[in-house]
Amino acid sequence: MSTTFLDFEKPIAELQSRIDELRDTTAEGAVDIGAEIAKLQAKSDKLLRDTFAKLTPWQKTQVARHPQRPHFKHYVAGLFDEFVPLAGDRAFGDDQAIMGGFAQFRGQRVMVLGHEKGEDTASRLRHNFGMGKPEGYRKAIRLVELADRFGLPIVTLVDTSGAFPGIQAEERGQAEAIARSTEACLAAGVPVVSAIVGEGGSGGAVALAAGNRVLMFEHAVYSVISPEGCASILWRTADKAAEAAEAMRVTAQDLKSFGVIDTIVSEPVGGAHRDHAGAIANLGDSIQKALGELAGLGRDELKRGRAAKFLAMGRL
């Protein structure tokens, strides 16, 4: 699958296009230009490294939203064995934007749940672009409580622009469902490890991210509102989204310094969308380390630690 280049990657895209043209020429039996291709590839690789070493918050937002980043199903396939999906909230229906079930993680039985955005038009519509509805968050509550009952650690994978804002969702109690999902994560007497793997948008993200340990990919973003939404409120135009992203401190690096997240998970050069296997392996190692740190703690210690962690946020 060829990589879709973002706007700020145009110089890299132009170099890569030139390299592809030269490779096609070589394949057609023309003069050997391998040395020239290698030189251009080295230049392209350096430009990619340099570009991603100094991304702005808005550019990180674009990377976090890249349609080719790994999704929930990729993480499940790459990190978890014997995944048994559980469906429905036992009240209204099944929301495909939030998925979860029992699984084995590196020899340990866990409950894994998270947002699924989909990767093509049909699947994106089926999963509602990862925007959970009340029944999705109530399913999450059911799975968290089930894991708590059986003493299973919980792993959550967060990737959503926010909860679904439609009127039907509001009529079915969207705010209450999000609040109770957050409450369920905070009240669980088992280890909860949450990972922001793409977008962590608003309460729709926090509802699955109230963990003992919060991990975040280095090019992911996490905020109370999208940069466009913030810009629309403050400046009455979404054109100021880049300025909003800068002011909101949405990056993993900023959030680590504020104590909002605990660990920054490195991504392959150029972002997780360029190397799914590398990104998934890095996340797996961080999840394993976090679970190991929490393994010896009792129910009350886990609850107290989680409460202290979130109550400390925002203190001067």
Protein backbone atom coordinates (compact mmCIF):
# COMPACT_ATOMS: atom_id res chain seq x y z
CA MET A 1 0.00 0.00 0.00
CA SER A 2 1.49 3.33 -1.04
CA THR A 3 1.73 6.05 1.58
CA THR A 4 -0.60 9.03 1.34
CA PHE A 5 1.50 12.15 1.85
CA LEU A 6 0.29 15.04 3.98
CA ASP A 7 0.47 18.69 2.88
CA PHE A 8 3.65 19.44 4.81
CA GLU A 9 5.33 16.37 3.26
CA LYS A 10 5.27 17.73 -0.32
CA PRO A 11 9.10 17.96 -0.62
CA ILE A 12 9.35 14.32 0.50
CA ALA A 13 6.59 13.32 -1.92
CA GLU A 14 8.39 15.00 -4.82
CA LEU A 15 11.64 13.21 -4.03
CA GLN A 16 9.87 9.88 -3.69
CA SER A 17 8.09 10.44 -7.01
CA ARG A 18 11.44 11.06 -8.69
CA ILE A 19 12.86 7.88 -7.11
CA ASP A 20 9.88 5.84 -8.35
CA GLU A 21 10.34 7.23 -11.88
CA LEU A 22 14.02 6.24 -11.88
CA ARG A 23 13.18 2.77 -10.62
CA ASP A 24 10.65 2.33 -13.41
CA THR A 25 13.31 3.41 -15.91
CA THR A 26 15.75 0.83 -14.53
CA ALA A 27 13.09 -1.89 -14.64
CA GLU A 28 12.51 -1.19 -18.32
CA GLY A 29 16.12 -2.16 -19.07
CA ALA A 30 17.66 1.28 -19.46
CA VAL A 31 21.08 2.25 -18.14
CA ASP A 32 21.80 1.30 -14.52
CA ILE A 33 21.21 4.31 -12.30
CA GLY A 34 21.29 2.52 -8.97
CA ALA A 35 23.81 4.94 -7.47
CA GLU A 36 21.62 7.94 -8.30
CA ILE A 37 18.56 6.19 -6.81
CA ALA A 38 20.49 5.38 -3.60
CA LYS A 39 21.63 8.99 -3.33
CA LEU A 40 18.10 10.32 -3.72
CA GLN A 41 16.72 7.73 -1.28
CA ALA A 42 19.26 8.78 1.35
CA LYS A 43 18.26 12.40 0.82
CA SER A 44 14.57 11.49 1.12
CA ASP A 45 15.17 9.48 4.31
CA LYS A 46 17.09 12.37 5.89
CA LEU A 47 14.38 14.85 4.92
CA LEU A 48 11.75 12.55 6.45
CA ARG A 49 13.69 12.26 9.72
CA ASP A 50 14.34 16.00 9.91
CA THR A 51 10.71 16.86 9.12
CA PHE A 52 9.22 14.55 11.75
CA ALA A 53 11.75 15.63 14.38
CA LYS A 54 10.26 19.14 14.46
CA LEU A 55 6.55 18.78 13.76
CA THR A 56 4.26 21.56 14.94
CA PRO A 57 1.20 20.67 17.05
CA TRP A 58 -1.03 21.13 13.99
CA GLN A 59 1.18 18.86 11.88
CA LYS A 60 1.06 16.24 14.66
CA THR A 61 -2.73 16.54 14.56
CA GLN A 62 -2.63 15.76 10.83
CA VAL A 63 -0.38 12.75 11.45
CA ALA A 64 -2.64 11.51 14.26
CA ARG A 65 -5.58 11.61 11.83
CA HIS A 66 -3.75 9.91 8.96
CA PRO A 67 -6.17 7.36 7.46
CA GLN A 68 -3.41 4.76 7.14
CA ARG A 69 -2.47 4.70 10.83
CA PRO A 70 -3.10 1.38 12.57
CA HIS A 71 -6.64 0.98 13.92
CA PHE A 72 -8.11 -1.09 16.75
CA LYS A 73 -8.36 -4.21 14.60
CA HIS A 74 -4.68 -3.95 13.66
CA TYR A 75 -3.60 -3.71 17.29
CA VAL A 76 -5.80 -6.68 18.21
CA ALA A 77 -4.34 -8.74 15.37
CA GLY A 78 -0.76 -7.72 16.17
CA LEU A 79 -0.75 -7.85 19.98
CA PHE A 80 -3.58 -10.04 21.23
CA ASP A 81 -4.34 -13.74 20.83
CA GLU A 82 -7.65 -15.56 21.25
CA PHE A 83 -9.66 -12.36 20.95
CA VAL A 84 -13.33 -13.01 21.79
CA PRO A 85 -15.42 -9.95 20.80
CA LEU A 86 -18.35 -9.01 23.03
CA ALA A 87 -21.24 -7.03 21.58
CA GLY A 88 -24.13 -4.92 22.82
CA ASP A 89 -24.96 -2.80 25.84
CA ARG A 90 -27.88 -5.04 26.95
CA ALA A 91 -30.19 -2.02 26.70
CA PHE A 92 -30.38 -0.59 23.18
CA GLY A 93 -28.00 -2.14 20.66
CA ASP A 94 -24.40 -2.65 19.55
CA ASP A 95 -22.20 0.31 18.62
CA GLN A 96 -19.45 -0.63 16.18
CA ALA A 97 -17.46 2.53 16.98
CA ILE A 98 -16.39 0.99 20.29
CA MET A 99 -15.25 -2.62 20.26
CA GLY A 100 -13.86 -4.97 22.87
CA GLY A 101 -13.63 -8.42 24.31
CA PHE A 102 -11.53 -11.01 26.13
CA ALA A 103 -8.04 -11.67 24.82
CA GLN A 104 -4.59 -12.99 25.67
CA PHE A 105 -1.80 -10.42 25.81
CA ARG A 106 1.65 -12.01 25.86
CA GLY A 107 0.42 -14.89 27.96
CA GLN A 108 -1.84 -12.85 30.23
CA ARG A 109 -5.62 -12.85 30.08
CA VAL A 110 -7.01 -9.31 29.68
CA MET A 111 -10.02 -7.31 28.56
CA VAL A 112 -9.21 -5.07 25.59
CA LEU A 113 -11.51 -2.35 24.26
CA GLY A 114 -11.18 0.73 22.12
CA HIS A 115 -12.37 2.90 19.26
CA GLU A 116 -12.43 1.61 15.68
CA LYS A 117 -12.53 4.24 12.92
CA GLY A 118 -12.53 1.94 9.89
CA GLU A 119 -10.17 2.10 6.93
CA ASP A 120 -12.36 2.47 3.82
CA THR A 121 -15.67 4.15 3.06
CA ALA A 122 -17.85 1.17 3.94
CA SER A 123 -16.07 0.34 7.21
CA ARG A 124 -15.87 3.99 8.26
CA LEU A 125 -19.61 4.30 7.90
CA ARG A 126 -20.14 1.02 9.76
CA HIS A 127 -17.90 2.15 12.62
CA ASN A 128 -19.21 5.74 12.48
CA PHE A 129 -15.63 7.06 12.09
CA GLY A 130 -14.85 5.96 15.65
CA MET A 131 -17.38 8.34 17.20
CA GLY A 132 -19.08 6.41 19.97
CA LYS A 133 -22.79 6.61 20.76
CA PRO A 134 -24.37 6.05 24.20
CA GLU A 135 -24.77 2.33 23.57
CA GLY A 136 -21.04 2.15 22.77
CA TYR A 137 -20.05 3.71 26.08
CA ARG A 138 -22.57 1.53 27.92
CA LYS A 139 -21.00 -1.49 26.25
CA ALA A 140 -17.64 -0.22 27.52
CA ILE A 141 -19.09 0.01 31.04
CA ARG A 142 -20.36 -3.56 30.77
CA LEU A 143 -16.95 -4.83 29.65
CA VAL A 144 -15.05 -2.91 32.34
CA GLU A 145 -17.36 -4.25 35.05
CA LEU A 146 -17.07 -7.75 33.62
CA ALA A 147 -13.27 -7.54 33.70
CA ASP A 148 -13.42 -6.25 37.27
CA ARG A 149 -15.64 -9.17 38.29
CA PHE A 150 -13.18 -11.71 36.90
CA GLY A 151 -10.03 -9.85 38.02
CA LEU A 152 -8.75 -9.21 34.51
CA PRO A 153 -6.48 -6.25 33.67
CA ILE A 154 -8.02 -3.80 31.21
CA VAL A 155 -6.28 -2.35 28.14
CA THR A 156 -8.00 0.49 26.29
CA LEU A 157 -6.98 1.90 22.89
CA VAL A 158 -8.22 5.45 22.32
CA ASP A 159 -8.63 6.88 18.82
CA THR A 160 -11.60 9.17 18.31
CA SER A 161 -12.28 12.74 17.26
CA GLY A 162 -14.96 12.73 19.96
CA ALA A 163 -18.25 11.13 20.87
CA PHE A 164 -21.01 11.24 18.24
CA PRO A 165 -22.75 14.65 18.51
CA GLY A 166 -26.04 13.74 16.78
CA ILE A 167 -29.41 14.51 18.31
CA GLN A 168 -30.29 10.80 18.56
CA ALA A 169 -27.25 10.25 20.76
CA GLU A 170 -28.21 13.16 22.98
CA GLU A 171 -31.74 11.80 23.28
CA ARG A 172 -30.35 8.45 24.44
CA GLY A 173 -28.19 10.05 27.15
CA GLN A 174 -24.78 10.62 25.58
CA ALA A 175 -23.38 12.78 28.40
CA GLU A 176 -24.56 10.38 31.11
CA ALA A 177 -23.10 7.38 29.27
CA ILE A 178 -19.71 9.09 28.89
CA ALA A 179 -19.67 10.13 32.55
CA ARG A 180 -20.53 6.62 33.74
CA SER A 181 -17.93 5.06 31.45
CA THR A 182 -15.31 7.37 32.97
CA GLU A 183 -16.60 6.46 36.43
CA ALA A 184 -16.41 2.73 35.65
CA CYS A 185 -12.76 3.03 34.61
CA LEU A 186 -11.93 5.01 37.75
CA ALA A 187 -13.77 2.54 40.00
CA ALA A 188 -12.30 -0.67 38.59
CA GLY A 189 -10.33 -2.72 41.11
CA VAL A 190 -8.01 -4.10 38.41
CA PRO A 191 -5.11 -2.50 36.51
CA VAL A 192 -6.27 -0.18 33.71
CA VAL A 193 -3.74 0.76 31.02
CA SER A 194 -4.94 3.26 28.43
CA ALA A 195 -3.17 4.20 25.21
CA ILE A 196 -3.85 7.24 23.01
CA VAL A 197 -2.96 5.77 19.62
CA GLY A 198 -4.30 8.50 17.31
CA GLU A 199 -6.76 11.20 18.25
CA GLY A 200 -7.85 11.58 21.85
CA GLY A 201 -10.81 13.87 21.42
CA SER A 202 -12.91 15.31 24.25
CA GLY A 203 -14.99 13.25 26.70
CA GLY A 204 -15.33 10.56 24.07
CA ALA A 205 -11.65 9.80 24.69
CA VAL A 206 -11.54 10.33 28.46
CA ALA A 207 -14.37 7.80 28.87
CA LEU A 208 -11.88 5.06 27.93
CA ALA A 209 -8.69 6.76 29.11
CA ALA A 210 -9.15 7.01 32.89
CA GLY A 211 -6.41 4.49 33.56
CA ASN A 212 -3.68 3.88 36.13
CA ARG A 213 -1.20 4.38 33.32
CA VAL A 214 -1.89 6.51 30.24
CA LEU A 215 0.41 5.88 27.27
CA MET A 216 0.50 8.04 24.16
CA PHE A 217 2.16 7.71 20.78
CA GLU A 218 4.63 10.52 20.10
CA HIS A 219 2.61 11.86 17.16
CA ALA A 220 -0.84 11.35 18.71
CA VAL A 221 -2.91 14.24 20.09
CA TYR A 222 -5.15 14.50 23.17
CA SER A 223 -7.41 17.46 23.94
CA VAL A 224 -10.76 18.59 25.31
CA ILE A 225 -11.87 19.79 21.86
CA SER A 226 -10.51 19.63 18.32
CA PRO A 227 -8.28 22.52 17.17
CA GLU A 228 -10.92 23.41 14.57
CA GLY A 229 -13.64 23.46 17.22
CA CYS A 230 -11.53 25.64 19.51
CA ALA A 231 -10.72 28.04 16.67
CA SER A 232 -14.39 28.27 15.72
CA ILE A 233 -15.26 29.30 19.27
CA LEU A 234 -12.39 31.75 19.84
CA TRP A 235 -11.94 33.26 16.39
CA ARG A 236 -15.22 32.35 14.68
CA THR A 237 -13.28 30.51 11.97
CA ALA A 238 -11.68 27.07 11.67
CA ASP A 239 -8.86 28.64 9.63
CA LYS A 240 -7.07 29.38 12.91
CA ALA A 241 -6.85 25.67 13.79
CA ALA A 242 -3.03 25.67 13.68
CA GLU A 243 -2.88 28.53 16.20
CA ALA A 244 -5.43 26.76 18.40
CA ALA A 245 -3.43 23.51 18.35
CA GLU A 246 -0.34 25.43 19.45
CA ALA A 247 -2.15 27.14 22.32
CA MET A 248 -3.99 24.01 23.48
CA ARG A 249 -0.81 21.96 24.07
CA VAL A 250 -2.25 18.85 22.43
CA THR A 251 1.00 16.96 21.89
CA ALA A 252 2.35 14.01 23.85
CA GLN A 253 5.44 16.01 24.78
CA ASP A 254 3.38 18.82 26.36
CA LEU A 255 0.97 16.45 28.10
CA LYS A 256 3.83 14.42 29.58
CA SER A 257 5.27 17.60 31.10
CA PHE A 258 1.85 18.43 32.60
CA GLY A 259 1.41 14.95 34.09
CA VAL A 260 -1.67 14.20 32.00
CA ILE A 261 0.00 11.14 30.44
CA ASP A 262 2.68 8.86 31.87
CA THR A 263 4.61 7.47 28.90
CA ILE A 264 5.40 8.59 25.36
CA VAL A 265 5.57 5.63 22.98
CA SER A 266 7.96 6.15 20.09
CA GLU A 267 6.77 5.75 16.51
CA PRO A 268 8.76 4.58 13.50
CA VAL A 269 10.37 7.40 11.49
CA GLY A 270 7.64 9.13 9.52
CA GLY A 271 4.79 8.01 11.79
CA ALA A 272 2.96 4.81 12.69
CA HIS A 273 1.20 4.75 9.31
CA ARG A 274 4.53 4.03 7.58
CA ASP A 275 5.36 0.96 9.67
CA HIS A 276 2.41 -0.74 11.34
CA ALA A 277 4.45 -3.63 12.70
CA GLY A 278 7.06 -1.37 14.30
CA ALA A 279 4.47 0.91 15.91
CA ILE A 280 2.41 -2.02 17.21
CA ALA A 281 5.49 -3.70 18.68
CA ASN A 282 6.53 -0.48 20.46
CA LEU A 283 3.06 -0.09 21.94
CA GLY A 284 3.00 -3.72 23.04
CA ASP A 285 6.28 -3.29 24.92
CA SER A 286 4.94 -0.19 26.70
CA ILE A 287 1.68 -1.93 27.64
CA GLN A 288 3.61 -4.93 28.99
CA LYS A 289 5.83 -2.66 31.09
CA ALA A 290 2.83 -0.76 32.48
CA LEU A 291 0.96 -3.94 33.37
CA GLY A 292 4.08 -5.27 35.07
CA GLU A 293 4.35 -2.13 37.23
CA LEU A 294 0.72 -2.53 38.34
CA ALA A 295 0.71 -6.31 38.81
CA GLY A 296 1.51 -6.39 42.50
CA LEU A 297 -0.99 -3.74 43.62
CA GLY A 298 -4.23 -4.58 45.44
CA ARG A 299 -7.70 -3.35 44.53
CA ASP A 300 -7.69 -0.43 46.95
CA GLU A 301 -4.18 0.63 45.94
CA LEU A 302 -5.17 0.67 42.27
CA LYS A 303 -8.25 2.77 42.95
CA ARG A 304 -6.42 5.21 45.21
CA GLY A 305 -3.56 5.58 42.77
CA ARG A 306 -5.91 6.24 39.90
CA ALA A 307 -7.90 8.81 41.88
CA ALA A 308 -4.75 10.59 43.04
CA LYS A 309 -3.42 10.70 39.50
CA PHE A 310 -6.46 12.46 38.09
CA LEU A 311 -7.08 14.73 41.09
CA ALA A 312 -3.49 16.00 40.77
CA MET A 313 -4.04 17.24 37.21
CA GLY A 314 -4.28 21.00 36.93
CA ARG A 315 -2.86 21.75 40.37
CA LEU A 316 -0.39 24.62 40.48
